[in-house]
PDB file of N, CA and C in Angstrom:
ATOM      1  N   UNK A   1     -17.493 -21.566  -0.263  1.00  0.00           N
ATOM      2  CA  UNK A   1     -17.226 -21.001  -1.575  1.00  0.00           C
ATOM      3  C   UNK A   1     -16.397 -19.739  -1.410  1.00  0.00           C
ATOM      4  N   UNK A   2     -15.407 -19.577  -2.222  1.00  0.00           N
ATOM      5  CA  UNK A   2     -14.497 -18.440  -2.149  1.00  0.00           C
ATOM      6  C   UNK A   2     -15.074 -17.240  -2.890  1.00  0.00           C
ATOM      7  N   UNK A   3     -14.921 -16.052  -2.305  1.00  0.00           N
ATOM      8  CA  UNK A   3     -15.388 -14.822  -2.934  1.00  0.00           C
ATOM      9  C   UNK A   3     -14.408 -14.428  -4.027  1.00  0.00           C
ATOM     10  N   UNK A   4     -14.841 -14.465  -5.279  1.00  0.00           N
ATOM     11  CA  UNK A   4     -13.937 -14.181  -6.393  1.00  0.00           C
ATOM     12  C   UNK A   4     -13.608 -12.694  -6.511  1.00  0.00           C
ATOM     13  N   UNK A   5     -14.327 -11.831  -5.792  1.00  0.00           N
ATOM     14  CA  UNK A   5     -14.044 -10.399  -5.868  1.00  0.00           C
ATOM     15  C   UNK A   5     -12.892 -10.004  -4.960  1.00  0.00           C
ATOM     16  N   UNK A   6     -12.478 -10.883  -4.063  1.00  0.00           N
ATOM     17  CA  UNK A   6     -11.346 -10.611  -3.174  1.00  0.00           C
ATOM     18  C   UNK A   6     -10.185 -11.478  -3.619  1.00  0.00           C
ATOM     19  N   UNK A   7      -9.083 -10.825  -3.963  1.00  0.00           N
ATOM     20  CA  UNK A   7      -7.923 -11.585  -4.404  1.00  0.00           C
ATOM     21  C   UNK A   7      -6.685 -11.091  -3.675  1.00  0.00           C
ATOM     22  N   UNK A   8      -5.731 -11.959  -3.563  1.00  0.00           N
ATOM     23  CA  UNK A   8      -4.457 -11.610  -2.948  1.00  0.00           C
ATOM     24  C   UNK A   8      -3.397 -11.617  -4.036  1.00  0.00           C
ATOM     25  N   UNK A   9      -2.606 -10.563  -4.081  1.00  0.00           N
ATOM     26  CA  UNK A   9      -1.507 -10.538  -5.029  1.00  0.00           C
ATOM     27  C   UNK A   9      -0.319 -11.207  -4.372  1.00  0.00           C
ATOM     28  N   UNK A  10       0.161 -12.281  -4.963  1.00  0.00           N
ATOM     29  CA  UNK A  10       1.272 -13.032  -4.387  1.00  0.00           C
ATOM     30  C   UNK A  10       2.592 -12.318  -4.617  1.00  0.00           C
ATOM     31  N   UNK A  11       2.770 -11.774  -5.805  1.00  0.00           N
ATOM     32  CA  UNK A  11       4.008 -11.075  -6.114  1.00  0.00           C
ATOM     33  C   UNK A  11       3.861  -9.613  -5.737  1.00  0.00           C
ATOM     34  N   UNK A  12       4.992  -8.994  -5.445  1.00  0.00           N
ATOM     35  CA  UNK A  12       4.960  -7.571  -5.130  1.00  0.00           C
ATOM     36  C   UNK A  12       4.653  -6.780  -6.398  1.00  0.00           C
ATOM     37  N   UNK A  13       3.788  -5.811  -6.257  1.00  0.00           N
ATOM     38  CA  UNK A  13       3.459  -4.908  -7.358  1.00  0.00           C
ATOM     39  C   UNK A  13       4.249  -3.627  -7.179  1.00  0.00           C
ATOM     40  N   UNK A  14       4.490  -2.937  -8.279  1.00  0.00           N
ATOM     41  CA  UNK A  14       5.158  -1.648  -8.216  1.00  0.00           C
ATOM     42  C   UNK A  14       4.092  -0.560  -8.238  1.00  0.00           C
ATOM     43  N   UNK A  15       4.238   0.424  -7.363  1.00  0.00           N
ATOM     44  CA  UNK A  15       3.264   1.493  -7.313  1.00  0.00           C
ATOM     45  C   UNK A  15       3.865   2.788  -6.812  1.00  0.00           C
ATOM     46  N   UNK A  16       3.023   3.801  -6.759  1.00  0.00           N
ATOM     47  CA  UNK A  16       3.417   5.086  -6.193  1.00  0.00           C
ATOM     48  C   UNK A  16       2.354   5.505  -5.194  1.00  0.00           C
ATOM     49  N   UNK A  17       2.803   6.197  -4.157  1.00  0.00           N
ATOM     50  CA  UNK A  17       1.866   6.714  -3.176  1.00  0.00           C
ATOM     51  C   UNK A  17       1.081   7.836  -3.855  1.00  0.00           C
ATOM     52  N   UNK A  18      -0.233   7.712  -3.829  1.00  0.00           N
ATOM     53  CA  UNK A  18      -1.110   8.664  -4.495  1.00  0.00           C
ATOM     54  C   UNK A  18      -1.554   9.770  -3.539  1.00  0.00           C
ATOM     55  N   UNK A  19      -1.837   9.384  -2.301  1.00  0.00           N
ATOM     56  CA  UNK A  19      -2.281  10.353  -1.307  1.00  0.00           C
ATOM     57  C   UNK A  19      -2.018   9.804   0.076  1.00  0.00           C
ATOM     58  N   UNK A  20      -1.628  10.680   1.012  1.00  0.00           N
ATOM     59  CA  UNK A  20      -1.396  10.293   2.400  1.00  0.00           C
ATOM     60  C   UNK A  20      -2.155  11.258   3.304  1.00  0.00           C
ATOM     61  N   UNK A  21      -2.902  10.709   4.240  1.00  0.00           N
ATOM     62  CA  UNK A  21      -3.654  11.508   5.199  1.00  0.00           C
ATOM     63  C   UNK A  21      -2.882  11.556   6.517  1.00  0.00           C
ATOM     64  N   UNK A  22      -3.062  12.611   7.316  1.00  0.00           N
ATOM     65  CA  UNK A  22      -2.324  12.747   8.579  1.00  0.00           C
ATOM     66  C   UNK A  22      -2.550  11.609   9.571  1.00  0.00           C
ATOM     67  N   UNK A  23      -3.679  10.917   9.464  1.00  0.00           N
ATOM     68  CA  UNK A  23      -3.979   9.833  10.415  1.00  0.00           C
ATOM     69  C   UNK A  23      -3.308   8.513  10.059  1.00  0.00           C
ATOM     70  N   UNK A  24      -2.501   8.484   8.974  1.00  0.00           N
ATOM     71  CA  UNK A  24      -1.787   7.267   8.615  1.00  0.00           C
ATOM     72  C   UNK A  24      -2.448   6.432   7.541  1.00  0.00           C
ATOM     73  N   UNK A  25      -3.568   6.875   7.025  1.00  0.00           N
ATOM     74  CA  UNK A  25      -4.229   6.197   5.909  1.00  0.00           C
ATOM     75  C   UNK A  25      -3.779   6.851   4.606  1.00  0.00           C
ATOM     76  N   UNK A  26      -3.918   6.112   3.527  1.00  0.00           N
ATOM     77  CA  UNK A  26      -3.552   6.678   2.236  1.00  0.00           C
ATOM     78  C   UNK A  26      -3.881   5.729   1.111  1.00  0.00           C
ATOM     79  N   UNK A  27      -3.417   6.097  -0.079  1.00  0.00           N
ATOM     80  CA  UNK A  27      -3.703   5.328  -1.277  1.00  0.00           C
ATOM     81  C   UNK A  27      -2.418   5.103  -2.061  1.00  0.00           C
ATOM     82  N   UNK A  28      -2.277   3.888  -2.567  1.00  0.00           N
ATOM     83  CA  UNK A  28      -1.167   3.528  -3.441  1.00  0.00           C
ATOM     84  C   UNK A  28      -1.770   3.205  -4.801  1.00  0.00           C
ATOM     85  N   UNK A  29      -1.166   3.736  -5.857  1.00  0.00           N
ATOM     86  CA  UNK A  29      -1.653   3.463  -7.207  1.00  0.00           C
ATOM     87  C   UNK A  29      -0.705   2.497  -7.903  1.00  0.00           C
ATOM     88  N   UNK A  30      -1.262   1.390  -8.380  1.00  0.00           N
ATOM     89  CA  UNK A  30      -0.504   0.391  -9.131  1.00  0.00           C
ATOM     90  C   UNK A  30      -0.034   1.029 -10.438  1.00  0.00           C
ATOM     91  N   UNK A  31       1.264   0.944 -10.720  1.00  0.00           N
ATOM     92  CA  UNK A  31       1.826   1.547 -11.932  1.00  0.00           C
ATOM     93  C   UNK A  31       1.223   0.920 -13.182  1.00  0.00           C
ATOM     94  N   UNK A  32       1.035  -0.395 -13.192  1.00  0.00           N
ATOM     95  CA  UNK A  32       0.564  -1.091 -14.387  1.00  0.00           C
ATOM     96  C   UNK A  32      -0.924  -0.862 -14.659  1.00  0.00           C
ATOM     97  N   UNK A  33      -1.757  -1.017 -13.641  1.00  0.00           N
ATOM     98  CA  UNK A  33      -3.204  -0.969 -13.866  1.00  0.00           C
ATOM     99  C   UNK A  33      -3.839   0.382 -13.544  1.00  0.00           C
ATOM    100  N   UNK A  34      -3.115   1.233 -12.845  1.00  0.00           N
ATOM    101  CA  UNK A  34      -3.627   2.532 -12.377  1.00  0.00           C
ATOM    102  C   UNK A  34      -4.713   2.375 -11.308  1.00  0.00           C
ATOM    103  N   UNK A  35      -4.944   1.137 -10.835  1.00  0.00           N
ATOM    104  CA  UNK A  35      -5.915   0.882  -9.771  1.00  0.00           C
ATOM    105  C   UNK A  35      -5.336   1.383  -8.452  1.00  0.00           C
ATOM    106  N   UNK A  36      -6.188   1.958  -7.606  1.00  0.00           N
ATOM    107  CA  UNK A  36      -5.721   2.463  -6.314  1.00  0.00           C
ATOM    108  C   UNK A  36      -6.133   1.526  -5.191  1.00  0.00           C
ATOM    109  N   UNK A  37      -5.191   1.292  -4.288  1.00  0.00           N
ATOM    110  CA  UNK A  37      -5.399   0.460  -3.115  1.00  0.00           C
ATOM    111  C   UNK A  37      -5.261   1.332  -1.877  1.00  0.00           C
ATOM    112  N   UNK A  38      -6.052   1.055  -0.862  1.00  0.00           N
ATOM    113  CA  UNK A  38      -6.009   1.837   0.371  1.00  0.00           C
ATOM    114  C   UNK A  38      -5.055   1.174   1.368  1.00  0.00           C
ATOM    115  N   UNK A  39      -4.375   1.990   2.162  1.00  0.00           N
ATOM    116  CA  UNK A  39      -3.520   1.443   3.211  1.00  0.00           C
ATOM    117  C   UNK A  39      -3.697   2.215   4.504  1.00  0.00           C
ATOM    118  N   UNK A  40      -3.346   1.567   5.575  1.00  0.00           N
ATOM    119  CA  UNK A  40      -3.231   2.175   6.896  1.00  0.00           C
ATOM    120  C   UNK A  40      -1.899   1.696   7.443  1.00  0.00           C
ATOM    121  N   UNK A  41      -1.027   2.621   7.832  1.00  0.00           N
ATOM    122  CA  UNK A  41       0.306   2.188   8.260  1.00  0.00           C
ATOM    123  C   UNK A  41       0.236   1.208   9.419  1.00  0.00           C
ATOM    124  N   UNK A  42      -0.734   1.338  10.297  1.00  0.00           N
ATOM    125  CA  UNK A  42      -0.816   0.431  11.445  1.00  0.00           C
ATOM    126  C   UNK A  42      -1.308  -0.965  11.061  1.00  0.00           C
ATOM    127  N   UNK A  43      -1.888  -1.123   9.874  1.00  0.00           N
ATOM    128  CA  UNK A  43      -2.384  -2.429   9.437  1.00  0.00           C
ATOM    129  C   UNK A  43      -1.390  -3.174   8.547  1.00  0.00           C
ATOM    130  N   UNK A  44      -0.272  -2.568   8.243  1.00  0.00           N
ATOM    131  CA  UNK A  44       0.719  -3.215   7.385  1.00  0.00           C
ATOM    132  C   UNK A  44       1.437  -4.317   8.150  1.00  0.00           C
ATOM    133  N   UNK A  45       1.703  -5.444   7.488  1.00  0.00           N
ATOM    134  CA  UNK A  45       2.364  -6.581   8.128  1.00  0.00           C
ATOM    135  C   UNK A  45       3.746  -6.222   8.651  1.00  0.00           C
ATOM    136  N   UNK A  46       4.434  -5.320   7.966  1.00  0.00           N
ATOM    137  CA  UNK A  46       5.797  -4.979   8.354  1.00  0.00           C
ATOM    138  C   UNK A  46       5.872  -3.668   9.133  1.00  0.00           C
ATOM    139  N   UNK A  47       4.744  -3.223   9.705  1.00  0.00           N
ATOM    140  CA  UNK A  47       4.695  -1.993  10.500  1.00  0.00           C
ATOM    141  C   UNK A  47       5.413  -2.200  11.831  1.00  0.00           C
ATOM    142  N   UNK A  48       6.255  -1.255  12.188  1.00  0.00           N
ATOM    143  CA  UNK A  48       7.017  -1.381  13.432  1.00  0.00           C
ATOM    144  C   UNK A  48       6.898  -0.128  14.296  1.00  0.00           C
ATOM    145  N   UNK A  49       5.766   0.549  14.240  1.00  0.00           N
ATOM    146  CA  UNK A  49       5.532   1.700  15.088  1.00  0.00           C
ATOM    147  C   UNK A  49       5.936   3.036  14.484  1.00  0.00           C
ATOM    148  N   UNK A  50       6.361   3.035  13.216  1.00  0.00           N
ATOM    149  CA  UNK A  50       6.778   4.274  12.585  1.00  0.00           C
ATOM    150  C   UNK A  50       5.556   5.112  12.191  1.00  0.00           C
ATOM    151  N   UNK A  51       5.731   6.416  12.183  1.00  0.00           N
ATOM    152  CA  UNK A  51       4.683   7.302  11.691  1.00  0.00           C
ATOM    153  C   UNK A  51       4.831   7.439  10.179  1.00  0.00           C
ATOM    154  N   UNK A  52       3.845   8.046   9.555  1.00  0.00           N
ATOM    155  CA  UNK A  52       3.908   8.285   8.117  1.00  0.00           C
ATOM    156  C   UNK A  52       5.148   9.107   7.783  1.00  0.00           C
ATOM    157  N   UNK A  53       5.450  10.104   8.609  1.00  0.00           N
ATOM    158  CA  UNK A  53       6.633  10.937   8.384  1.00  0.00           C
ATOM    159  C   UNK A  53       7.922  10.146   8.509  1.00  0.00           C
ATOM    160  N   UNK A  54       7.990   9.274   9.502  1.00  0.00           N
ATOM    161  CA  UNK A  54       9.187   8.447   9.693  1.00  0.00           C
ATOM    162  C   UNK A  54       9.378   7.469   8.540  1.00  0.00           C
ATOM    163  N   UNK A  55       8.281   7.019   7.962  1.00  0.00           N
ATOM    164  CA  UNK A  55       8.358   6.113   6.822  1.00  0.00           C
ATOM    165  C   UNK A  55       8.640   6.854   5.523  1.00  0.00           C
ATOM    166  N   UNK A  56       8.605   8.169   5.562  1.00  0.00           N
ATOM    167  CA  UNK A  56       8.837   9.026   4.388  1.00  0.00           C
ATOM    168  C   UNK A  56       7.819   8.744   3.286  1.00  0.00           C
ATOM    169  N   UNK A  57       6.580   8.481   3.694  1.00  0.00           N
ATOM    170  CA  UNK A  57       5.512   8.263   2.717  1.00  0.00           C
ATOM    171  C   UNK A  57       4.882   9.599   2.365  1.00  0.00           C
ATOM    172  N   UNK A  58       4.999   9.961   1.110  1.00  0.00           N
ATOM    173  CA  UNK A  58       4.357  11.171   0.610  1.00  0.00           C
ATOM    174  C   UNK A  58       3.987  10.943  -0.845  1.00  0.00           C
ATOM    175  N   UNK A  59       3.163  11.790  -1.364  1.00  0.00           N
ATOM    176  CA  UNK A  59       2.709  11.640  -2.744  1.00  0.00           C
ATOM    177  C   UNK A  59       3.907  11.508  -3.675  1.00  0.00           C
ATOM    178  N   UNK A  60       3.858  10.481  -4.521  1.00  0.00           N
ATOM    179  CA  UNK A  60       4.924  10.250  -5.489  1.00  0.00           C
ATOM    180  C   UNK A  60       5.999   9.280  -5.034  1.00  0.00           C
ATOM    181  N   UNK A  61       5.990   8.873  -3.751  1.00  0.00           N
ATOM    182  CA  UNK A  61       6.974   7.909  -3.257  1.00  0.00           C
ATOM    183  C   UNK A  61       6.781   6.576  -3.978  1.00  0.00           C
ATOM    184  N   UNK A  62       7.860   6.024  -4.522  1.00  0.00           N
ATOM    185  CA  UNK A  62       7.780   4.726  -5.194  1.00  0.00           C
ATOM    186  C   UNK A  62       7.828   3.610  -4.157  1.00  0.00           C
ATOM    187  N   UNK A  63       6.941   2.635  -4.319  1.00  0.00           N
ATOM    188  CA  UNK A  63       6.832   1.535  -3.365  1.00  0.00           C
ATOM    189  C   UNK A  63       6.620   0.219  -4.097  1.00  0.00           C
ATOM    190  N   UNK A  64       6.882  -0.872  -3.392  1.00  0.00           N
ATOM    191  CA  UNK A  64       6.452  -2.206  -3.779  1.00  0.00           C
ATOM    192  C   UNK A  64       5.409  -2.591  -2.747  1.00  0.00           C
ATOM    193  N   UNK A  65       4.356  -3.274  -3.175  1.00  0.00           N
ATOM    194  CA  UNK A  65       3.305  -3.619  -2.225  1.00  0.00           C
ATOM    195  C   UNK A  65       2.623  -4.918  -2.609  1.00  0.00           C
ATOM    196  N   UNK A  66       1.958  -5.501  -1.623  1.00  0.00           N
ATOM    197  CA  UNK A  66       1.142  -6.699  -1.823  1.00  0.00           C
ATOM    198  C   UNK A  66      -0.248  -6.339  -1.314  1.00  0.00           C
ATOM    199  N   UNK A  67      -1.278  -6.697  -2.070  1.00  0.00           N
ATOM    200  CA  UNK A  67      -2.644  -6.330  -1.710  1.00  0.00           C
ATOM    201  C   UNK A  67      -3.505  -7.558  -1.435  1.00  0.00           C
ATOM    202  N   UNK A  68      -4.492  -7.367  -0.558  1.00  0.00           N
ATOM    203  CA  UNK A  68      -5.543  -8.340  -0.319  1.00  0.00           C
ATOM    204  C   UNK A  68      -6.842  -7.599  -0.610  1.00  0.00           C
ATOM    205  N   UNK A  69      -7.499  -7.981  -1.688  1.00  0.00           N
ATOM    206  CA  UNK A  69      -8.672  -7.230  -2.128  1.00  0.00           C
ATOM    207  C   UNK A  69      -8.225  -5.847  -2.570  1.00  0.00           C
ATOM    208  N   UNK A  70      -8.833  -4.818  -1.981  1.00  0.00           N
ATOM    209  CA  UNK A  70      -8.457  -3.447  -2.330  1.00  0.00           C
ATOM    210  C   UNK A  70      -7.606  -2.789  -1.250  1.00  0.00           C
ATOM    211  N   UNK A  71      -7.063  -3.599  -0.326  1.00  0.00           N
ATOM    212  CA  UNK A  71      -6.252  -3.075   0.774  1.00  0.00           C
ATOM    213  C   UNK A  71      -4.804  -3.542   0.661  1.00  0.00           C
ATOM    214  N   UNK A  72      -3.904  -2.653   1.019  1.00  0.00           N
ATOM    215  CA  UNK A  72      -2.475  -2.977   1.026  1.00  0.00           C
ATOM    216  C   UNK A  72      -2.162  -3.742   2.309  1.00  0.00           C
ATOM    217  N   UNK A  73      -1.569  -4.929   2.176  1.00  0.00           N
ATOM    218  CA  UNK A  73      -1.192  -5.739   3.324  1.00  0.00           C
ATOM    219  C   UNK A  73       0.294  -5.601   3.650  1.00  0.00           C
ATOM    220  N   UNK A  74       1.102  -5.320   2.632  1.00  0.00           N
ATOM    221  CA  UNK A  74       2.550  -5.208   2.803  1.00  0.00           C
ATOM    222  C   UNK A  74       3.023  -4.078   1.900  1.00  0.00           C
ATOM    223  N   UNK A  75       3.903  -3.229   2.434  1.00  0.00           N
ATOM    224  CA  UNK A  75       4.396  -2.095   1.663  1.00  0.00           C
ATOM    225  C   UNK A  75       5.848  -1.853   2.012  1.00  0.00           C
ATOM    226  N   UNK A  76       6.663  -1.623   0.997  1.00  0.00           N
ATOM    227  CA  UNK A  76       8.067  -1.285   1.241  1.00  0.00           C
ATOM    228  C   UNK A  76       8.485  -0.196   0.263  1.00  0.00           C
ATOM    229  N   UNK A  77       9.377   0.660   0.710  1.00  0.00           N
ATOM    230  CA  UNK A  77       9.885   1.731  -0.137  1.00  0.00           C
ATOM    231  C   UNK A  77      10.854   1.165  -1.158  1.00  0.00           C
ATOM    232  N   UNK A  78      10.838   1.702  -2.373  1.00  0.00           N
ATOM    233  CA  UNK A  78      11.789   1.318  -3.408  1.00  0.00           C
ATOM    234  C   UNK A  78      13.041   2.144  -3.170  1.00  0.00           C
ATOM    235  N   UNK A  79      14.180   1.458  -3.076  1.00  0.00           N
ATOM    236  CA  UNK A  79      15.443   2.180  -2.804  1.00  0.00           C
ATOM    237  C   UNK A  79      16.208   2.426  -4.063  1.00  0.00           C
TER     238      UNK A  79
END
């Protein structure tokens, strides 16, 4: 039986970085729902060894993301 409380967003959502911690964890807030998702840069599917600073992730950065449950699985900067 599938857990209905865990869902995967198939389409990219638009969000903004809400908070970034020095250890590479942070929160992205969905623009539409205002729900916050947690991320870790090392757990992102498209992570290639960059630090938070190299990725230019800071509060207010606009991003597109895909979530699994309450965690960000994929994140990209909006250009």
